[in-house]
Amino acid sequence: MTIRVVLADDQALLRSAFRVLVDSEPDMNVVGEASDGAEALAVLRGQEADVVLMDIRMPGMDGLAATRAISADPALSHVRVVILTTFEADEYVVRSLRAGASGFLGKGAEPGELLSAIRVAAAGEALLSPAATKGLIATFLAQEGPDDPGGPRHRATELAVLTDREREVLVLVAGGLSNTEIAGQLSVSPLTVKTHINRTMSKLGARDRAQLVMTAYETGLVRPRSE
């Protein structure tokens, strides 16, 4: 299956470079380009796509606003967003994932990393750079007080819909483990793990594993190591 990619960046030269890179791969091709978030939404609503490489800072509607709009549109529920930025700060990572992004990648990444990010996001099987992103999420959430309206104490009830096994799987997903690694820990098949993850995403309204990791931290199911 060919992965259909949309490029959203206000720098035409950078989009051209990304297009050459993506189109050089036999399993993916660029199906559209946009110079801002609003244009990206228009492209996605008129062209079938699987993954958007989204710049976080663009004039008009920025990448975060566009990502939130994509996540809120049922017609675009299959589209995965990979945020690209030169601003690799903890806050941007968390804001990107909260907006509905499937991953976060610095523009200084190697070509192979970018192509891998597209494939991983399209497959929805793993969070991009799980250990690093998990650490950034933990660090940022550790700064939030327990009495914050969106803090763990207030969101923990969201997990009541999960079975004990689904909670166990969610903890391991938040730890950055793959389906195969989780299967080994729980002595079940990878297919069984995939089923548990799909059910957990459905119950929690999560688009992908990135959103599951956010939920695990935000509900307090998984605690930052600094605590």
N, C-alpha and C. Protein backbone atom coordinates (compact mmCIF):
# COMPACT_ATOMS: atom_id res chain seq x y z
N MET A 1 0.83 -1.19 0.00
CA MET A 1 0.00 0.00 0.00
C MET A 1 0.87 1.25 0.00
N THR A 2 0.53 2.22 -0.84
CA THR A 2 1.29 3.46 -0.92
C THR A 2 0.79 4.45 0.12
N ILE A 3 1.71 5.02 0.88
CA ILE A 3 1.37 6.02 1.89
C ILE A 3 1.27 7.38 1.22
N ARG A 4 0.09 7.99 1.34
CA ARG A 4 -0.16 9.28 0.70
C ARG A 4 0.16 10.40 1.69
N VAL A 5 1.07 11.29 1.29
CA VAL A 5 1.61 12.31 2.20
C VAL A 5 1.27 13.71 1.73
N VAL A 6 0.89 14.56 2.69
CA VAL A 6 0.68 15.98 2.43
C VAL A 6 1.75 16.76 3.18
N LEU A 7 2.33 17.76 2.52
CA LEU A 7 3.38 18.58 3.13
C LEU A 7 2.81 19.95 3.46
N ALA A 8 2.88 20.36 4.72
CA ALA A 8 2.38 21.67 5.15
C ALA A 8 3.51 22.45 5.79
N ASP A 9 4.04 23.42 5.06
CA ASP A 9 5.15 24.25 5.54
C ASP A 9 5.15 25.54 4.74
N ASP A 10 5.42 26.67 5.39
CA ASP A 10 5.38 27.94 4.67
C ASP A 10 6.63 28.19 3.85
N GLN A 11 7.63 27.33 3.94
CA GLN A 11 8.85 27.49 3.16
C GLN A 11 8.80 26.58 1.93
N ALA A 12 8.65 27.18 0.77
CA ALA A 12 8.51 26.42 -0.48
C ALA A 12 9.74 25.56 -0.76
N LEU A 13 10.91 26.09 -0.44
CA LEU A 13 12.14 25.34 -0.70
C LEU A 13 12.19 24.07 0.14
N LEU A 14 11.75 24.19 1.39
CA LEU A 14 11.75 23.02 2.27
C LEU A 14 10.73 21.99 1.80
N ARG A 15 9.56 22.45 1.36
CA ARG A 15 8.56 21.52 0.83
C ARG A 15 9.11 20.78 -0.38
N SER A 16 9.83 21.48 -1.23
CA SER A 16 10.40 20.85 -2.42
C SER A 16 11.39 19.76 -2.04
N ALA A 17 12.22 20.04 -1.02
CA ALA A 17 13.19 19.06 -0.56
C ALA A 17 12.49 17.83 0.01
N PHE A 18 11.43 18.06 0.80
CA PHE A 18 10.68 16.95 1.37
C PHE A 18 10.00 16.14 0.27
N ARG A 19 9.48 16.82 -0.75
CA ARG A 19 8.81 16.12 -1.84
C ARG A 19 9.77 15.18 -2.57
N VAL A 20 10.95 15.67 -2.86
CA VAL A 20 11.95 14.84 -3.54
C VAL A 20 12.28 13.61 -2.71
N LEU A 21 12.45 13.82 -1.39
CA LEU A 21 12.78 12.71 -0.49
C LEU A 21 11.65 11.69 -0.43
N VAL A 22 10.44 12.16 -0.19
CA VAL A 22 9.29 11.26 -0.05
C VAL A 22 8.99 10.53 -1.35
N ASP A 23 9.00 11.26 -2.46
CA ASP A 23 8.67 10.64 -3.75
C ASP A 23 9.74 9.67 -4.23
N SER A 24 10.91 9.70 -3.60
CA SER A 24 11.97 8.76 -3.99
C SER A 24 11.73 7.37 -3.41
N GLU A 25 10.79 7.26 -2.47
CA GLU A 25 10.50 5.98 -1.82
C GLU A 25 9.39 5.24 -2.58
N PRO A 26 9.55 3.94 -2.78
CA PRO A 26 8.55 3.18 -3.56
C PRO A 26 7.21 3.00 -2.85
N ASP A 27 7.20 3.18 -1.52
CA ASP A 27 5.96 2.93 -0.78
C ASP A 27 5.24 4.20 -0.33
N MET A 28 5.65 5.37 -0.86
CA MET A 28 4.98 6.61 -0.48
C MET A 28 5.09 7.65 -1.58
N ASN A 29 4.15 8.59 -1.58
CA ASN A 29 4.25 9.70 -2.51
C ASN A 29 3.48 10.91 -1.99
N VAL A 30 3.92 12.09 -2.39
CA VAL A 30 3.30 13.34 -1.98
C VAL A 30 2.06 13.58 -2.85
N VAL A 31 0.92 13.81 -2.21
CA VAL A 31 -0.33 14.03 -2.95
C VAL A 31 -0.83 15.47 -2.82
N GLY A 32 -0.12 16.29 -2.03
CA GLY A 32 -0.55 17.67 -1.88
C GLY A 32 0.41 18.48 -1.05
N GLU A 33 0.38 19.80 -1.24
CA GLU A 33 1.21 20.72 -0.47
C GLU A 33 0.37 21.89 0.04
N ALA A 34 0.82 22.49 1.14
CA ALA A 34 0.12 23.64 1.71
C ALA A 34 1.14 24.57 2.37
N SER A 35 0.84 25.87 2.35
CA SER A 35 1.76 26.84 2.95
C SER A 35 1.28 27.34 4.31
N ASP A 36 0.08 26.91 4.72
CA ASP A 36 -0.41 27.24 6.06
C ASP A 36 -1.45 26.21 6.48
N GLY A 37 -1.93 26.33 7.73
CA GLY A 37 -2.85 25.33 8.26
C GLY A 37 -4.17 25.28 7.53
N ALA A 38 -4.72 26.44 7.19
CA ALA A 38 -6.01 26.48 6.50
C ALA A 38 -5.91 25.80 5.14
N GLU A 39 -4.82 26.05 4.44
CA GLU A 39 -4.63 25.43 3.13
C GLU A 39 -4.45 23.92 3.28
N ALA A 40 -3.79 23.51 4.36
CA ALA A 40 -3.61 22.08 4.61
C ALA A 40 -4.96 21.39 4.78
N LEU A 41 -5.85 22.03 5.54
CA LEU A 41 -7.19 21.47 5.74
C LEU A 41 -7.94 21.36 4.43
N ALA A 42 -7.82 22.39 3.59
CA ALA A 42 -8.50 22.37 2.28
C ALA A 42 -7.97 21.23 1.42
N VAL A 43 -6.66 21.03 1.45
CA VAL A 43 -6.05 19.95 0.66
C VAL A 43 -6.56 18.60 1.15
N LEU A 44 -6.58 18.41 2.47
CA LEU A 44 -7.00 17.13 3.05
C LEU A 44 -8.47 16.83 2.76
N ARG A 45 -9.28 17.86 2.70
CA ARG A 45 -10.71 17.65 2.45
C ARG A 45 -11.01 17.42 0.97
N GLY A 46 -10.01 17.68 0.14
CA GLY A 46 -10.22 17.45 -1.29
C GLY A 46 -9.36 16.35 -1.86
N GLN A 47 -8.48 15.79 -1.03
CA GLN A 47 -7.54 14.78 -1.50
C GLN A 47 -7.31 13.72 -0.43
N GLU A 48 -7.47 12.47 -0.79
CA GLU A 48 -7.24 11.39 0.17
C GLU A 48 -5.77 11.38 0.58
N ALA A 49 -5.52 11.35 1.90
CA ALA A 49 -4.15 11.34 2.41
C ALA A 49 -4.09 10.51 3.68
N ASP A 50 -2.89 10.03 3.99
CA ASP A 50 -2.68 9.21 5.19
C ASP A 50 -1.90 9.94 6.27
N VAL A 51 -0.90 10.71 5.85
CA VAL A 51 -0.01 11.38 6.80
C VAL A 51 0.23 12.82 6.35
N VAL A 52 0.25 13.73 7.33
CA VAL A 52 0.61 15.13 7.06
C VAL A 52 1.88 15.46 7.81
N LEU A 53 2.87 15.98 7.09
CA LEU A 53 4.06 16.53 7.75
C LEU A 53 3.73 18.00 7.97
N MET A 54 3.52 18.39 9.23
CA MET A 54 2.96 19.69 9.56
C MET A 54 3.96 20.57 10.31
N ASP A 55 4.31 21.71 9.71
CA ASP A 55 5.15 22.68 10.40
C ASP A 55 4.34 23.27 11.55
N ILE A 56 4.98 23.48 12.70
CA ILE A 56 4.24 23.96 13.86
C ILE A 56 3.99 25.47 13.79
N ARG A 57 4.90 26.21 13.13
CA ARG A 57 4.75 27.66 13.03
C ARG A 57 4.57 28.07 11.57
N MET A 58 3.36 28.54 11.25
CA MET A 58 3.05 29.04 9.91
C MET A 58 2.17 30.26 10.06
N PRO A 59 2.16 31.15 9.07
CA PRO A 59 1.31 32.34 9.14
C PRO A 59 -0.16 31.94 9.08
N GLY A 60 -1.03 32.78 9.64
CA GLY A 60 -2.45 32.46 9.64
C GLY A 60 -2.71 31.33 10.62
N MET A 61 -3.33 30.27 10.16
CA MET A 61 -3.57 29.09 10.99
C MET A 61 -2.28 28.30 11.13
N ASP A 62 -1.76 28.17 12.36
CA ASP A 62 -0.51 27.44 12.54
C ASP A 62 -0.74 25.93 12.60
N GLY A 63 0.35 25.20 12.77
CA GLY A 63 0.26 23.74 12.75
C GLY A 63 -0.54 23.15 13.88
N LEU A 64 -0.48 23.75 15.07
CA LEU A 64 -1.25 23.24 16.20
C LEU A 64 -2.75 23.39 15.97
N ALA A 65 -3.16 24.58 15.49
CA ALA A 65 -4.58 24.81 15.22
C ALA A 65 -5.08 23.88 14.12
N ALA A 66 -4.26 23.68 13.09
CA ALA A 66 -4.66 22.79 12.00
C ALA A 66 -4.77 21.35 12.49
N THR A 67 -3.86 20.95 13.36
CA THR A 67 -3.89 19.59 13.90
C THR A 67 -5.14 19.37 14.74
N ARG A 68 -5.50 20.36 15.54
CA ARG A 68 -6.73 20.26 16.33
C ARG A 68 -7.95 20.13 15.42
N ALA A 69 -7.96 20.89 14.33
CA ALA A 69 -9.08 20.84 13.39
C ALA A 69 -9.17 19.47 12.71
N ILE A 70 -8.03 18.90 12.37
CA ILE A 70 -7.99 17.58 11.76
C ILE A 70 -8.54 16.54 12.73
N SER A 71 -8.10 16.62 13.98
CA SER A 71 -8.53 15.66 15.00
C SER A 71 -10.03 15.75 15.27
N ALA A 72 -10.58 16.95 15.12
CA ALA A 72 -12.00 17.16 15.43
C ALA A 72 -12.92 16.82 14.26
N ASP A 73 -12.35 16.57 13.10
CA ASP A 73 -13.16 16.30 11.91
C ASP A 73 -13.28 14.79 11.69
N PRO A 74 -14.48 14.22 11.88
CA PRO A 74 -14.67 12.77 11.70
C PRO A 74 -14.25 12.28 10.31
N ALA A 75 -14.38 13.14 9.32
CA ALA A 75 -14.02 12.74 7.95
C ALA A 75 -12.51 12.58 7.78
N LEU A 76 -11.75 13.14 8.73
CA LEU A 76 -10.29 13.07 8.65
C LEU A 76 -9.71 12.20 9.77
N SER A 77 -10.53 11.35 10.35
CA SER A 77 -10.09 10.55 11.50
C SER A 77 -8.95 9.60 11.17
N HIS A 78 -8.80 9.26 9.90
CA HIS A 78 -7.74 8.33 9.49
C HIS A 78 -6.40 9.04 9.24
N VAL A 79 -6.41 10.35 9.19
CA VAL A 79 -5.20 11.11 8.88
C VAL A 79 -4.30 11.23 10.11
N ARG A 80 -3.03 10.95 9.94
CA ARG A 80 -2.07 11.06 11.02
C ARG A 80 -1.18 12.28 10.78
N VAL A 81 -0.92 13.02 11.85
CA VAL A 81 -0.12 14.25 11.75
C VAL A 81 1.21 14.07 12.45
N VAL A 82 2.28 14.38 11.72
CA VAL A 82 3.62 14.41 12.30
C VAL A 82 4.06 15.87 12.31
N ILE A 83 4.24 16.42 13.50
CA ILE A 83 4.65 17.82 13.64
C ILE A 83 6.14 17.96 13.36
N LEU A 84 6.47 18.92 12.50
CA LEU A 84 7.87 19.23 12.21
C LEU A 84 8.18 20.63 12.70
N THR A 85 9.27 20.80 13.41
CA THR A 85 9.61 22.13 13.92
C THR A 85 11.08 22.25 14.27
N THR A 86 11.54 23.48 14.31
CA THR A 86 12.91 23.75 14.78
C THR A 86 12.88 24.06 16.27
N PHE A 87 11.66 24.15 16.83
CA PHE A 87 11.51 24.50 18.25
C PHE A 87 11.26 23.23 19.06
N GLU A 88 12.33 22.53 19.39
CA GLU A 88 12.20 21.25 20.07
C GLU A 88 12.18 21.43 21.59
N ALA A 89 11.15 22.10 22.07
CA ALA A 89 10.99 22.33 23.51
C ALA A 89 9.92 21.41 24.06
N ASP A 90 10.06 21.08 25.34
CA ASP A 90 9.11 20.16 25.98
C ASP A 90 7.66 20.59 25.76
N GLU A 91 7.41 21.90 25.93
CA GLU A 91 6.04 22.39 25.83
C GLU A 91 5.46 22.14 24.44
N TYR A 92 6.27 22.31 23.41
CA TYR A 92 5.78 22.09 22.05
C TYR A 92 5.44 20.63 21.81
N VAL A 93 6.22 19.73 22.37
CA VAL A 93 5.94 18.30 22.22
C VAL A 93 4.58 17.98 22.80
N VAL A 94 4.35 18.41 24.03
CA VAL A 94 3.10 18.10 24.71
C VAL A 94 1.92 18.77 24.02
N ARG A 95 2.07 20.04 23.64
CA ARG A 95 0.98 20.74 22.96
C ARG A 95 0.65 20.07 21.63
N SER A 96 1.68 19.57 20.94
CA SER A 96 1.44 18.89 19.66
C SER A 96 0.65 17.61 19.86
N LEU A 97 1.03 16.83 20.85
CA LEU A 97 0.34 15.56 21.09
C LEU A 97 -1.07 15.80 21.62
N ARG A 98 -1.23 16.82 22.46
CA ARG A 98 -2.56 17.14 22.97
C ARG A 98 -3.48 17.60 21.84
N ALA A 99 -2.90 18.24 20.83
CA ALA A 99 -3.70 18.71 19.70
C ALA A 99 -4.16 17.54 18.83
N GLY A 100 -3.51 16.39 19.00
CA GLY A 100 -3.90 15.22 18.22
C GLY A 100 -2.83 14.68 17.30
N ALA A 101 -1.61 15.23 17.40
CA ALA A 101 -0.52 14.75 16.54
C ALA A 101 -0.11 13.33 16.93
N SER A 102 0.33 12.58 15.94
CA SER A 102 0.80 11.22 16.20
C SER A 102 2.28 11.20 16.57
N GLY A 103 2.97 12.29 16.30
CA GLY A 103 4.39 12.31 16.62
C GLY A 103 4.97 13.70 16.43
N PHE A 104 6.23 13.82 16.76
CA PHE A 104 6.91 15.11 16.78
C PHE A 104 8.34 14.88 16.31
N LEU A 105 8.79 15.68 15.35
CA LEU A 105 10.12 15.48 14.80
C LEU A 105 10.78 16.82 14.53
N GLY A 106 12.04 16.96 14.92
CA GLY A 106 12.78 18.19 14.65
C GLY A 106 13.17 18.25 13.18
N LYS A 107 13.24 19.46 12.63
CA LYS A 107 13.59 19.61 11.22
C LYS A 107 15.04 19.24 10.95
N GLY A 108 15.81 19.09 12.01
CA GLY A 108 17.19 18.67 11.84
C GLY A 108 17.36 17.17 11.76
N ALA A 109 16.25 16.43 11.74
CA ALA A 109 16.31 14.97 11.69
C ALA A 109 16.93 14.49 10.37
N GLU A 110 17.55 13.34 10.42
CA GLU A 110 18.13 12.74 9.22
C GLU A 110 17.01 12.29 8.29
N PRO A 111 17.28 12.23 6.97
CA PRO A 111 16.27 11.79 6.00
C PRO A 111 15.64 10.44 6.37
N GLY A 112 16.47 9.51 6.83
CA GLY A 112 15.95 8.20 7.21
C GLY A 112 14.98 8.28 8.37
N GLU A 113 15.25 9.19 9.30
CA GLU A 113 14.35 9.36 10.45
C GLU A 113 13.00 9.90 10.00
N LEU A 114 13.03 10.84 9.06
CA LEU A 114 11.79 11.42 8.57
C LEU A 114 10.94 10.37 7.86
N LEU A 115 11.57 9.57 7.01
CA LEU A 115 10.85 8.53 6.28
C LEU A 115 10.30 7.49 7.24
N SER A 116 11.09 7.15 8.26
CA SER A 116 10.63 6.19 9.27
C SER A 116 9.44 6.75 10.03
N ALA A 117 9.49 8.05 10.33
CA ALA A 117 8.39 8.69 11.06
C ALA A 117 7.09 8.61 10.26
N ILE A 118 7.18 8.80 8.97
CA ILE A 118 5.99 8.72 8.11
C ILE A 118 5.41 7.31 8.15
N ARG A 119 6.28 6.31 8.04
CA ARG A 119 5.81 4.92 8.04
C ARG A 119 5.21 4.53 9.39
N VAL A 120 5.86 4.95 10.46
CA VAL A 120 5.37 4.62 11.80
C VAL A 120 4.02 5.29 12.06
N ALA A 121 3.91 6.55 11.68
CA ALA A 121 2.65 7.26 11.87
C ALA A 121 1.53 6.63 11.05
N ALA A 122 1.84 6.26 9.82
CA ALA A 122 0.83 5.66 8.94
C ALA A 122 0.35 4.33 9.49
N ALA A 123 1.28 3.57 10.07
CA ALA A 123 0.92 2.26 10.63
C ALA A 123 0.19 2.39 11.97
N GLY A 124 0.45 3.48 12.69
CA GLY A 124 -0.17 3.69 13.99
C GLY A 124 0.24 2.66 15.01
N GLU A 125 1.41 2.04 14.83
CA GLU A 125 1.81 0.94 15.70
C GLU A 125 2.74 1.35 16.83
N ALA A 126 3.33 2.54 16.75
CA ALA A 126 4.27 2.94 17.80
C ALA A 126 4.40 4.45 17.85
N LEU A 127 4.65 4.96 19.02
CA LEU A 127 4.90 6.38 19.19
C LEU A 127 6.28 6.72 18.66
N LEU A 128 6.41 7.84 17.98
CA LEU A 128 7.71 8.24 17.45
C LEU A 128 8.68 8.51 18.60
N SER A 129 9.87 7.97 18.49
CA SER A 129 10.90 8.12 19.52
C SER A 129 10.30 7.94 20.91
N PRO A 130 9.77 6.76 21.23
CA PRO A 130 9.02 6.58 22.47
C PRO A 130 9.74 6.99 23.74
N ALA A 131 11.00 6.60 23.89
CA ALA A 131 11.70 6.92 25.13
C ALA A 131 11.87 8.42 25.30
N ALA A 132 12.32 9.10 24.23
CA ALA A 132 12.57 10.54 24.32
C ALA A 132 11.28 11.31 24.52
N THR A 133 10.27 11.00 23.72
CA THR A 133 9.01 11.73 23.83
C THR A 133 8.34 11.46 25.17
N LYS A 134 8.41 10.22 25.64
CA LYS A 134 7.84 9.86 26.93
C LYS A 134 8.49 10.69 28.05
N GLY A 135 9.81 10.85 27.95
CA GLY A 135 10.51 11.62 28.97
C GLY A 135 10.11 13.09 28.96
N LEU A 136 9.92 13.65 27.77
CA LEU A 136 9.51 15.04 27.66
C LEU A 136 8.11 15.24 28.22
N ILE A 137 7.21 14.31 27.91
CA ILE A 137 5.85 14.39 28.43
C ILE A 137 5.88 14.33 29.96
N ALA A 138 6.66 13.41 30.49
CA ALA A 138 6.74 13.24 31.94
C ALA A 138 7.27 14.51 32.60
N THR A 139 8.31 15.08 32.02
CA THR A 139 8.89 16.29 32.58
C THR A 139 7.89 17.44 32.60
N PHE A 140 7.17 17.61 31.50
CA PHE A 140 6.22 18.71 31.42
C PHE A 140 5.04 18.51 32.36
N LEU A 141 4.49 17.30 32.39
CA LEU A 141 3.33 17.04 33.23
C LEU A 141 3.69 17.10 34.72
N ALA A 142 4.95 16.84 35.04
CA ALA A 142 5.37 16.89 36.44
C ALA A 142 5.27 18.32 36.98
N GLN A 143 5.25 19.31 36.08
CA GLN A 143 5.16 20.70 36.50
C GLN A 143 3.73 21.10 36.82
N GLU A 144 2.76 20.27 36.46
CA GLU A 144 1.36 20.59 36.69
C GLU A 144 0.95 20.15 38.09
N GLY A 145 0.28 21.00 38.79
CA GLY A 145 -0.15 20.68 40.14
C GLY A 145 -1.26 19.65 40.16
N PRO A 146 -1.40 18.85 41.22
CA PRO A 146 -2.43 17.83 41.31
C PRO A 146 -3.84 18.40 41.34
N ASP A 147 -3.98 19.70 41.67
CA ASP A 147 -5.31 20.29 41.73
C ASP A 147 -5.69 21.03 40.45
N ASP A 148 -4.82 20.97 39.43
CA ASP A 148 -5.15 21.59 38.16
C ASP A 148 -6.40 20.93 37.59
N PRO A 149 -7.32 21.71 36.97
CA PRO A 149 -8.55 21.13 36.41
C PRO A 149 -8.28 20.00 35.44
N GLY A 150 -7.14 20.07 34.74
CA GLY A 150 -6.83 19.01 33.79
C GLY A 150 -5.82 18.02 34.33
N GLY A 151 -5.52 18.12 35.63
CA GLY A 151 -4.50 17.28 36.24
C GLY A 151 -4.96 15.87 36.51
N PRO A 152 -4.04 15.00 36.96
CA PRO A 152 -4.33 13.58 37.19
C PRO A 152 -5.51 13.32 38.10
N ARG A 153 -5.61 14.09 39.21
CA ARG A 153 -6.68 13.83 40.18
C ARG A 153 -8.06 13.97 39.53
N HIS A 154 -8.17 14.91 38.59
CA HIS A 154 -9.47 15.19 37.97
C HIS A 154 -9.74 14.30 36.76
N ARG A 155 -8.71 13.68 36.22
CA ARG A 155 -8.89 12.90 35.00
C ARG A 155 -8.82 11.39 35.24
N ALA A 156 -8.48 10.98 36.45
CA ALA A 156 -8.29 9.55 36.73
C ALA A 156 -9.55 8.73 36.46
N THR A 157 -10.72 9.34 36.64
CA THR A 157 -11.98 8.61 36.44
C THR A 157 -12.17 8.17 34.99
N GLU A 158 -11.44 8.77 34.07
CA GLU A 158 -11.56 8.40 32.66
C GLU A 158 -11.19 6.93 32.45
N LEU A 159 -10.35 6.40 33.33
CA LEU A 159 -9.86 5.03 33.15
C LEU A 159 -10.84 3.98 33.67
N ALA A 160 -11.94 4.42 34.26
CA ALA A 160 -12.90 3.47 34.84
C ALA A 160 -13.50 2.54 33.78
N VAL A 161 -13.47 2.96 32.53
CA VAL A 161 -14.06 2.15 31.46
C VAL A 161 -13.16 0.99 31.05
N LEU A 162 -11.91 0.99 31.53
CA LEU A 162 -10.95 -0.03 31.12
C LEU A 162 -10.98 -1.25 32.04
N THR A 163 -10.69 -2.40 31.47
CA THR A 163 -10.52 -3.60 32.28
C THR A 163 -9.13 -3.56 32.91
N ASP A 164 -8.87 -4.45 33.87
CA ASP A 164 -7.55 -4.50 34.50
C ASP A 164 -6.47 -4.79 33.47
N ARG A 165 -6.76 -5.69 32.55
CA ARG A 165 -5.78 -6.04 31.52
C ARG A 165 -5.51 -4.85 30.60
N GLU A 166 -6.54 -4.11 30.25
CA GLU A 166 -6.36 -2.94 29.39
C GLU A 166 -5.53 -1.88 30.09
N ARG A 167 -5.72 -1.72 31.39
CA ARG A 167 -4.88 -0.78 32.15
C ARG A 167 -3.42 -1.24 32.12
N GLU A 168 -3.22 -2.53 32.30
CA GLU A 168 -1.87 -3.08 32.30
C GLU A 168 -1.19 -2.84 30.96
N VAL A 169 -1.93 -3.05 29.88
CA VAL A 169 -1.39 -2.83 28.54
C VAL A 169 -1.09 -1.34 28.34
N LEU A 170 -1.97 -0.48 28.84
CA LEU A 170 -1.78 0.96 28.69
C LEU A 170 -0.48 1.41 29.37
N VAL A 171 -0.19 0.87 30.53
CA VAL A 171 1.05 1.21 31.24
C VAL A 171 2.27 0.82 30.39
N LEU A 172 2.20 -0.34 29.77
CA LEU A 172 3.32 -0.81 28.97
C LEU A 172 3.46 0.00 27.68
N VAL A 173 2.35 0.40 27.10
CA VAL A 173 2.39 1.27 25.92
C VAL A 173 3.06 2.59 26.28
N ALA A 174 2.70 3.14 27.44
CA ALA A 174 3.29 4.39 27.90
C ALA A 174 4.78 4.24 28.17
N GLY A 175 5.21 3.01 28.41
CA GLY A 175 6.63 2.75 28.63
C GLY A 175 7.41 2.63 27.34
N GLY A 176 6.72 2.78 26.20
CA GLY A 176 7.39 2.74 24.90
C GLY A 176 7.59 1.36 24.33
N LEU A 177 6.93 0.34 24.91
CA LEU A 177 7.11 -1.03 24.43
C LEU A 177 6.30 -1.28 23.16
N SER A 178 6.83 -2.11 22.29
CA SER A 178 6.13 -2.50 21.06
C SER A 178 5.13 -3.60 21.39
N ASN A 179 4.26 -3.94 20.44
CA ASN A 179 3.30 -5.01 20.66
C ASN A 179 3.99 -6.33 20.99
N THR A 180 5.08 -6.60 20.29
CA THR A 180 5.82 -7.84 20.53
C THR A 180 6.41 -7.88 21.93
N GLU A 181 6.96 -6.75 22.37
CA GLU A 181 7.55 -6.68 23.71
C GLU A 181 6.48 -6.81 24.79
N ILE A 182 5.33 -6.18 24.55
CA ILE A 182 4.23 -6.29 25.51
C ILE A 182 3.73 -7.73 25.57
N ALA A 183 3.63 -8.37 24.42
CA ALA A 183 3.19 -9.76 24.36
C ALA A 183 4.12 -10.65 25.16
N GLY A 184 5.43 -10.39 25.07
CA GLY A 184 6.40 -11.18 25.82
C GLY A 184 6.25 -11.00 27.32
N GLN A 185 5.98 -9.77 27.74
CA GLN A 185 5.81 -9.50 29.17
C GLN A 185 4.56 -10.14 29.74
N LEU A 186 3.49 -10.16 28.93
CA LEU A 186 2.20 -10.66 29.41
C LEU A 186 1.94 -12.12 29.03
N SER A 187 2.87 -12.71 28.28
CA SER A 187 2.74 -14.10 27.83
C SER A 187 1.46 -14.32 27.02
N VAL A 188 1.21 -13.39 26.09
CA VAL A 188 0.09 -13.52 25.17
C VAL A 188 0.63 -13.27 23.76
N SER A 189 -0.22 -13.39 22.76
CA SER A 189 0.22 -13.16 21.39
C SER A 189 0.18 -11.68 21.04
N PRO A 190 1.00 -11.24 20.07
CA PRO A 190 0.96 -9.84 19.63
C PRO A 190 -0.43 -9.45 19.13
N LEU A 191 -1.15 -10.40 18.52
CA LEU A 191 -2.49 -10.11 18.04
C LEU A 191 -3.43 -9.78 19.20
N THR A 192 -3.27 -10.51 20.31
CA THR A 192 -4.08 -10.23 21.50
C THR A 192 -3.77 -8.84 22.04
N VAL A 193 -2.49 -8.50 22.05
CA VAL A 193 -2.08 -7.17 22.51
C VAL A 193 -2.70 -6.09 21.62
N LYS A 194 -2.66 -6.31 20.31
CA LYS A 194 -3.23 -5.35 19.36
C LYS A 194 -4.72 -5.16 19.63
N THR A 195 -5.41 -6.25 19.94
CA THR A 195 -6.84 -6.19 20.24
C THR A 195 -7.09 -5.34 21.49
N HIS A 196 -6.28 -5.59 22.53
CA HIS A 196 -6.42 -4.81 23.77
C HIS A 196 -6.18 -3.32 23.51
N ILE A 197 -5.16 -3.02 22.71
CA ILE A 197 -4.82 -1.63 22.42
C ILE A 197 -5.94 -0.96 21.62
N ASN A 198 -6.47 -1.67 20.63
CA ASN A 198 -7.56 -1.10 19.83
C ASN A 198 -8.79 -0.82 20.69
N ARG A 199 -9.09 -1.74 21.60
CA ARG A 199 -10.24 -1.54 22.48
C ARG A 199 -10.01 -0.37 23.43
N THR A 200 -8.77 -0.26 23.92
CA THR A 200 -8.42 0.84 24.82
C THR A 200 -8.54 2.17 24.11
N MET A 201 -8.04 2.25 22.88
CA MET A 201 -8.14 3.49 22.11
C MET A 201 -9.60 3.85 21.88
N SER A 202 -10.41 2.85 21.56
CA SER A 202 -11.83 3.09 21.32
C SER A 202 -12.52 3.62 22.58
N LYS A 203 -12.26 3.01 23.71
CA LYS A 203 -12.89 3.41 24.96
C LYS A 203 -12.46 4.81 25.41
N LEU A 204 -11.21 5.16 25.16
CA LEU A 204 -10.68 6.44 25.62
C LEU A 204 -10.77 7.53 24.56
N GLY A 205 -11.23 7.16 23.37
CA GLY A 205 -11.34 8.14 22.31
C GLY A 205 -10.00 8.61 21.80
N ALA A 206 -9.00 7.71 21.84
CA ALA A 206 -7.64 8.05 21.39
C ALA A 206 -7.46 7.70 19.92
N ARG A 207 -6.79 8.57 19.19
CA ARG A 207 -6.55 8.34 17.76
C ARG A 207 -5.48 7.28 17.52
N ASP A 208 -4.48 7.25 18.41
CA ASP A 208 -3.37 6.33 18.21
C ASP A 208 -2.60 6.16 19.51
N ARG A 209 -1.44 5.50 19.43
CA ARG A 209 -0.66 5.21 20.63
C ARG A 209 -0.12 6.48 21.28
N ALA A 210 0.16 7.49 20.47
CA ALA A 210 0.65 8.75 21.04
C ALA A 210 -0.37 9.31 22.03
N GLN A 211 -1.64 9.24 21.66
CA GLN A 211 -2.69 9.74 22.54
C GLN A 211 -2.84 8.86 23.78
N LEU A 212 -2.59 7.57 23.63
CA LEU A 212 -2.64 6.68 24.80
C LEU A 212 -1.56 7.04 25.81
N VAL A 213 -0.38 7.36 25.32
CA VAL A 213 0.72 7.75 26.22
C VAL A 213 0.34 9.02 26.97
N MET A 214 -0.21 10.00 26.26
CA MET A 214 -0.64 11.23 26.92
C MET A 214 -1.67 10.93 28.00
N THR A 215 -2.65 10.08 27.69
CA THR A 215 -3.70 9.76 28.65
C THR A 215 -3.13 9.06 29.88
N ALA A 216 -2.18 8.16 29.66
CA ALA A 216 -1.58 7.43 30.77
C ALA A 216 -0.92 8.38 31.77
N TYR A 217 -0.25 9.41 31.26
CA TYR A 217 0.40 10.40 32.14
C TYR A 217 -0.62 11.37 32.73
N GLU A 218 -1.54 11.84 31.91
CA GLU A 218 -2.47 12.88 32.36
C GLU A 218 -3.47 12.37 33.39
N THR A 219 -3.74 11.08 33.38
CA THR A 219 -4.65 10.50 34.39
C THR A 219 -3.91 10.04 35.63
N GLY A 220 -2.58 10.06 35.59
CA GLY A 220 -1.81 9.62 36.74
C GLY A 220 -1.59 8.12 36.79
N LEU A 221 -2.01 7.39 35.74
CA LEU A 221 -1.78 5.95 35.71
C LEU A 221 -0.29 5.66 35.69
N VAL A 222 0.44 6.48 34.95
CA VAL A 222 1.91 6.41 34.90
C VAL A 222 2.45 7.70 35.47
N ARG A 223 3.40 7.59 36.36
CA ARG A 223 3.97 8.77 37.02
C ARG A 223 5.36 9.08 36.49
N PRO A 224 5.70 10.36 36.36
CA PRO A 224 7.06 10.73 35.97
C PRO A 224 8.05 10.15 36.99
N ARG A 225 9.21 9.76 36.50
CA ARG A 225 10.20 9.16 37.40
C ARG A 225 10.68 10.10 38.48
N SER A 226 10.54 11.39 38.23
CA SER A 226 11.03 12.37 39.20
C SER A 226 10.18 12.42 40.47
N GLU A 227 8.98 11.82 40.40
CA GLU A 227 8.10 11.85 41.59
C GLU A 227 8.54 10.86 42.62
